[in-house]
């Protein structure tokens, strides 16, 4: 719903229209929040995967350096 409907609800809190507007907008707001949370979780999972890969590369390089140090 438009922001105007929320303004209407605030101006006329006892009107039946405000309850109808809230009944329509509340589920839309919840869906929007759930969608945003889902996108944030996907971003965090992608970041976690990149960090895990970077850590694996770091550990592999550290192991190679250790081997080189032992051969000197």
N, C-alpha and C. Protein backbone atom coordinates (compact mmCIF):
# COMPACT_ATOMS: atom_id res chain seq x y z
N UNK A 1 0.83 -1.19 0.00
CA UNK A 1 0.00 0.00 0.00
C UNK A 1 0.87 1.25 0.00
N UNK A 2 0.28 2.33 -0.34
CA UNK A 2 0.98 3.60 -0.39
C UNK A 2 1.18 4.15 1.01
N UNK A 3 2.14 5.02 1.17
CA UNK A 3 2.38 5.68 2.44
C UNK A 3 1.18 6.50 2.87
N UNK A 4 0.39 6.98 1.89
CA UNK A 4 -0.80 7.77 2.22
C UNK A 4 -1.78 6.97 3.07
N UNK A 5 -1.89 5.68 2.81
CA UNK A 5 -2.79 4.85 3.59
C UNK A 5 -2.34 4.78 5.04
N UNK A 6 -1.05 4.73 5.26
CA UNK A 6 -0.54 4.71 6.63
C UNK A 6 -0.79 6.04 7.31
N UNK A 7 -0.66 7.15 6.55
CA UNK A 7 -0.96 8.47 7.11
C UNK A 7 -2.43 8.53 7.48
N UNK A 8 -3.29 8.01 6.60
CA UNK A 8 -4.73 8.00 6.87
C UNK A 8 -5.00 7.22 8.16
N UNK A 9 -4.34 6.10 8.32
CA UNK A 9 -4.54 5.29 9.51
C UNK A 9 -4.13 6.06 10.76
N UNK A 10 -3.04 6.81 10.66
CA UNK A 10 -2.59 7.58 11.82
C UNK A 10 -3.53 8.73 12.14
N UNK A 11 -4.10 9.35 11.11
CA UNK A 11 -5.00 10.48 11.34
C UNK A 11 -6.35 10.05 11.89
N UNK A 12 -6.82 8.90 11.44
CA UNK A 12 -8.15 8.46 11.82
C UNK A 12 -8.08 7.05 12.42
N UNK A 13 -7.50 6.94 13.59
CA UNK A 13 -7.26 5.60 14.15
C UNK A 13 -8.53 4.83 14.47
N UNK A 14 -9.68 5.51 14.61
CA UNK A 14 -10.89 4.78 14.98
C UNK A 14 -11.72 4.38 13.76
N UNK A 15 -11.29 4.76 12.56
CA UNK A 15 -12.09 4.44 11.37
C UNK A 15 -11.94 2.97 11.00
N UNK A 16 -12.97 2.42 10.42
CA UNK A 16 -12.92 1.05 9.93
C UNK A 16 -11.90 0.91 8.81
N UNK A 17 -11.73 1.97 8.04
CA UNK A 17 -10.77 1.94 6.93
C UNK A 17 -9.36 1.69 7.44
N UNK A 18 -9.02 2.26 8.58
CA UNK A 18 -7.65 2.08 9.10
C UNK A 18 -7.38 0.61 9.40
N UNK A 19 -8.37 -0.08 9.94
CA UNK A 19 -8.19 -1.51 10.22
C UNK A 19 -8.04 -2.30 8.93
N UNK A 20 -8.80 -1.90 7.90
CA UNK A 20 -8.69 -2.58 6.61
C UNK A 20 -7.32 -2.33 5.99
N UNK A 21 -6.86 -1.10 6.08
CA UNK A 21 -5.55 -0.76 5.53
C UNK A 21 -4.47 -1.55 6.25
N UNK A 22 -4.55 -1.61 7.56
CA UNK A 22 -3.57 -2.36 8.34
C UNK A 22 -3.64 -3.84 8.00
N UNK A 23 -4.85 -4.36 7.82
CA UNK A 23 -5.01 -5.77 7.49
C UNK A 23 -4.36 -6.10 6.14
N UNK A 24 -4.36 -5.13 5.22
CA UNK A 24 -3.76 -5.35 3.91
C UNK A 24 -2.26 -5.08 3.94
N UNK A 25 -1.84 -4.01 4.62
CA UNK A 25 -0.43 -3.64 4.58
C UNK A 25 0.45 -4.51 5.47
N UNK A 26 -0.05 -4.96 6.59
CA UNK A 26 0.78 -5.75 7.52
C UNK A 26 1.34 -7.01 6.85
N UNK A 27 0.52 -7.81 6.16
CA UNK A 27 1.10 -8.99 5.49
C UNK A 27 2.12 -8.62 4.41
N UNK A 28 1.88 -7.52 3.71
CA UNK A 28 2.83 -7.09 2.68
C UNK A 28 4.15 -6.68 3.31
N UNK A 29 4.08 -6.02 4.44
CA UNK A 29 5.30 -5.62 5.15
C UNK A 29 6.05 -6.85 5.62
N UNK A 30 5.33 -7.84 6.15
CA UNK A 30 5.95 -9.08 6.62
C UNK A 30 6.63 -9.80 5.46
N UNK A 31 5.96 -9.88 4.31
CA UNK A 31 6.54 -10.53 3.13
C UNK A 31 7.79 -9.79 2.69
N UNK A 32 7.74 -8.45 2.70
CA UNK A 32 8.89 -7.65 2.31
C UNK A 32 10.07 -7.89 3.26
N UNK A 33 9.79 -7.93 4.55
CA UNK A 33 10.85 -8.16 5.55
C UNK A 33 11.43 -9.57 5.38
N UNK A 34 10.57 -10.55 5.18
CA UNK A 34 11.05 -11.92 4.97
C UNK A 34 11.93 -12.01 3.73
N UNK A 35 11.51 -11.34 2.67
CA UNK A 35 12.31 -11.33 1.44
C UNK A 35 13.67 -10.71 1.67
N UNK A 36 13.70 -9.60 2.38
CA UNK A 36 14.97 -8.93 2.66
C UNK A 36 15.85 -9.81 3.55
N UNK A 37 15.26 -10.43 4.56
CA UNK A 37 16.04 -11.33 5.42
C UNK A 37 16.60 -12.51 4.62
N UNK A 38 15.80 -13.03 3.72
CA UNK A 38 16.27 -14.14 2.88
C UNK A 38 17.46 -13.70 2.02
N UNK A 39 17.37 -12.50 1.44
CA UNK A 39 18.49 -11.99 0.64
C UNK A 39 19.73 -11.80 1.51
N UNK A 40 19.55 -11.30 2.72
CA UNK A 40 20.70 -11.09 3.61
C UNK A 40 21.33 -12.43 4.00
N UNK A 41 20.51 -13.44 4.26
CA UNK A 41 21.03 -14.77 4.59
C UNK A 41 21.84 -15.32 3.41
N UNK A 42 21.32 -15.15 2.19
CA UNK A 42 22.05 -15.62 1.01
C UNK A 42 23.39 -14.90 0.88
N UNK A 43 23.41 -13.61 1.13
CA UNK A 43 24.68 -12.86 1.07
C UNK A 43 25.66 -13.36 2.13
N UNK A 44 25.15 -13.60 3.34
CA UNK A 44 26.02 -14.11 4.40
C UNK A 44 26.57 -15.49 4.06
N UNK A 45 25.72 -16.34 3.50
CA UNK A 45 26.19 -17.67 3.11
C UNK A 45 27.25 -17.59 2.02
N UNK A 46 27.08 -16.69 1.07
CA UNK A 46 28.08 -16.51 0.01
C UNK A 46 29.38 -15.98 0.61
N UNK A 47 29.28 -15.06 1.54
CA UNK A 47 30.48 -14.53 2.21
C UNK A 47 31.17 -15.62 3.00
N UNK A 48 30.39 -16.43 3.70
CA UNK A 48 30.96 -17.54 4.46
C UNK A 48 31.72 -18.50 3.54
N UNK A 49 31.16 -18.79 2.39
CA UNK A 49 31.81 -19.68 1.43
C UNK A 49 33.13 -19.08 0.94
N UNK A 50 33.10 -17.79 0.62
CA UNK A 50 34.34 -17.14 0.18
C UNK A 50 35.40 -17.15 1.28
N UNK A 51 34.98 -16.89 2.51
CA UNK A 51 35.94 -16.91 3.63
C UNK A 51 36.49 -18.31 3.87
N UNK A 52 35.63 -19.31 3.75
CA UNK A 52 36.08 -20.69 3.92
C UNK A 52 37.09 -21.06 2.84
N UNK A 53 36.81 -20.65 1.61
CA UNK A 53 37.76 -20.91 0.51
C UNK A 53 39.07 -20.17 0.75
N UNK A 54 38.98 -18.93 1.18
CA UNK A 54 40.19 -18.14 1.44
C UNK A 54 41.01 -18.77 2.57
N UNK A 55 40.33 -19.27 3.59
CA UNK A 55 41.03 -19.92 4.70
C UNK A 55 41.73 -21.18 4.21
N UNK A 56 41.06 -21.94 3.36
CA UNK A 56 41.68 -23.14 2.80
C UNK A 56 42.93 -22.81 2.00
N UNK A 57 42.85 -21.76 1.19
CA UNK A 57 44.02 -21.33 0.41
C UNK A 57 45.13 -20.88 1.35
N UNK A 58 44.76 -20.13 2.38
CA UNK A 58 45.74 -19.65 3.35
C UNK A 58 46.45 -20.82 4.03
N UNK A 59 45.68 -21.81 4.45
CA UNK A 59 46.28 -22.97 5.12
C UNK A 59 47.18 -23.76 4.17
N UNK A 60 46.77 -23.86 2.91
CA UNK A 60 47.60 -24.56 1.92
C UNK A 60 48.91 -23.82 1.70
N UNK A 61 48.85 -22.51 1.58
CA UNK A 61 50.07 -21.72 1.40
C UNK A 61 50.98 -21.81 2.62
N UNK A 62 50.37 -21.79 3.80
CA UNK A 62 51.16 -21.90 5.03
C UNK A 62 51.88 -23.25 5.07
N UNK A 63 51.20 -24.31 4.66
CA UNK A 63 51.82 -25.64 4.64
C UNK A 63 52.98 -25.67 3.65
N UNK A 64 52.81 -25.03 2.51
CA UNK A 64 53.90 -25.00 1.52
C UNK A 64 55.10 -24.22 2.04
N UNK A 65 54.84 -23.11 2.73
CA UNK A 65 55.94 -22.32 3.30
C UNK A 65 56.67 -23.13 4.35
N UNK A 66 55.93 -23.87 5.16
CA UNK A 66 56.55 -24.71 6.18
C UNK A 66 57.45 -25.75 5.54
N UNK A 67 56.99 -26.36 4.45
CA UNK A 67 57.81 -27.35 3.74
C UNK A 67 59.06 -26.69 3.19
N UNK A 68 58.93 -25.51 2.62
CA UNK A 68 60.10 -24.80 2.08
C UNK A 68 61.09 -24.45 3.19
N UNK A 69 60.59 -24.04 4.34
CA UNK A 69 61.46 -23.70 5.47
C UNK A 69 62.26 -24.92 5.92
N UNK A 70 61.64 -26.08 5.90
CA UNK A 70 62.31 -27.30 6.36
C UNK A 70 63.39 -27.75 5.38
N UNK A 71 63.21 -27.44 4.11
CA UNK A 71 64.19 -27.90 3.12
C UNK A 71 65.41 -27.00 3.04
N UNK A 72 65.33 -25.82 3.63
CA UNK A 72 66.48 -24.89 3.57
C UNK A 72 67.54 -25.24 4.55
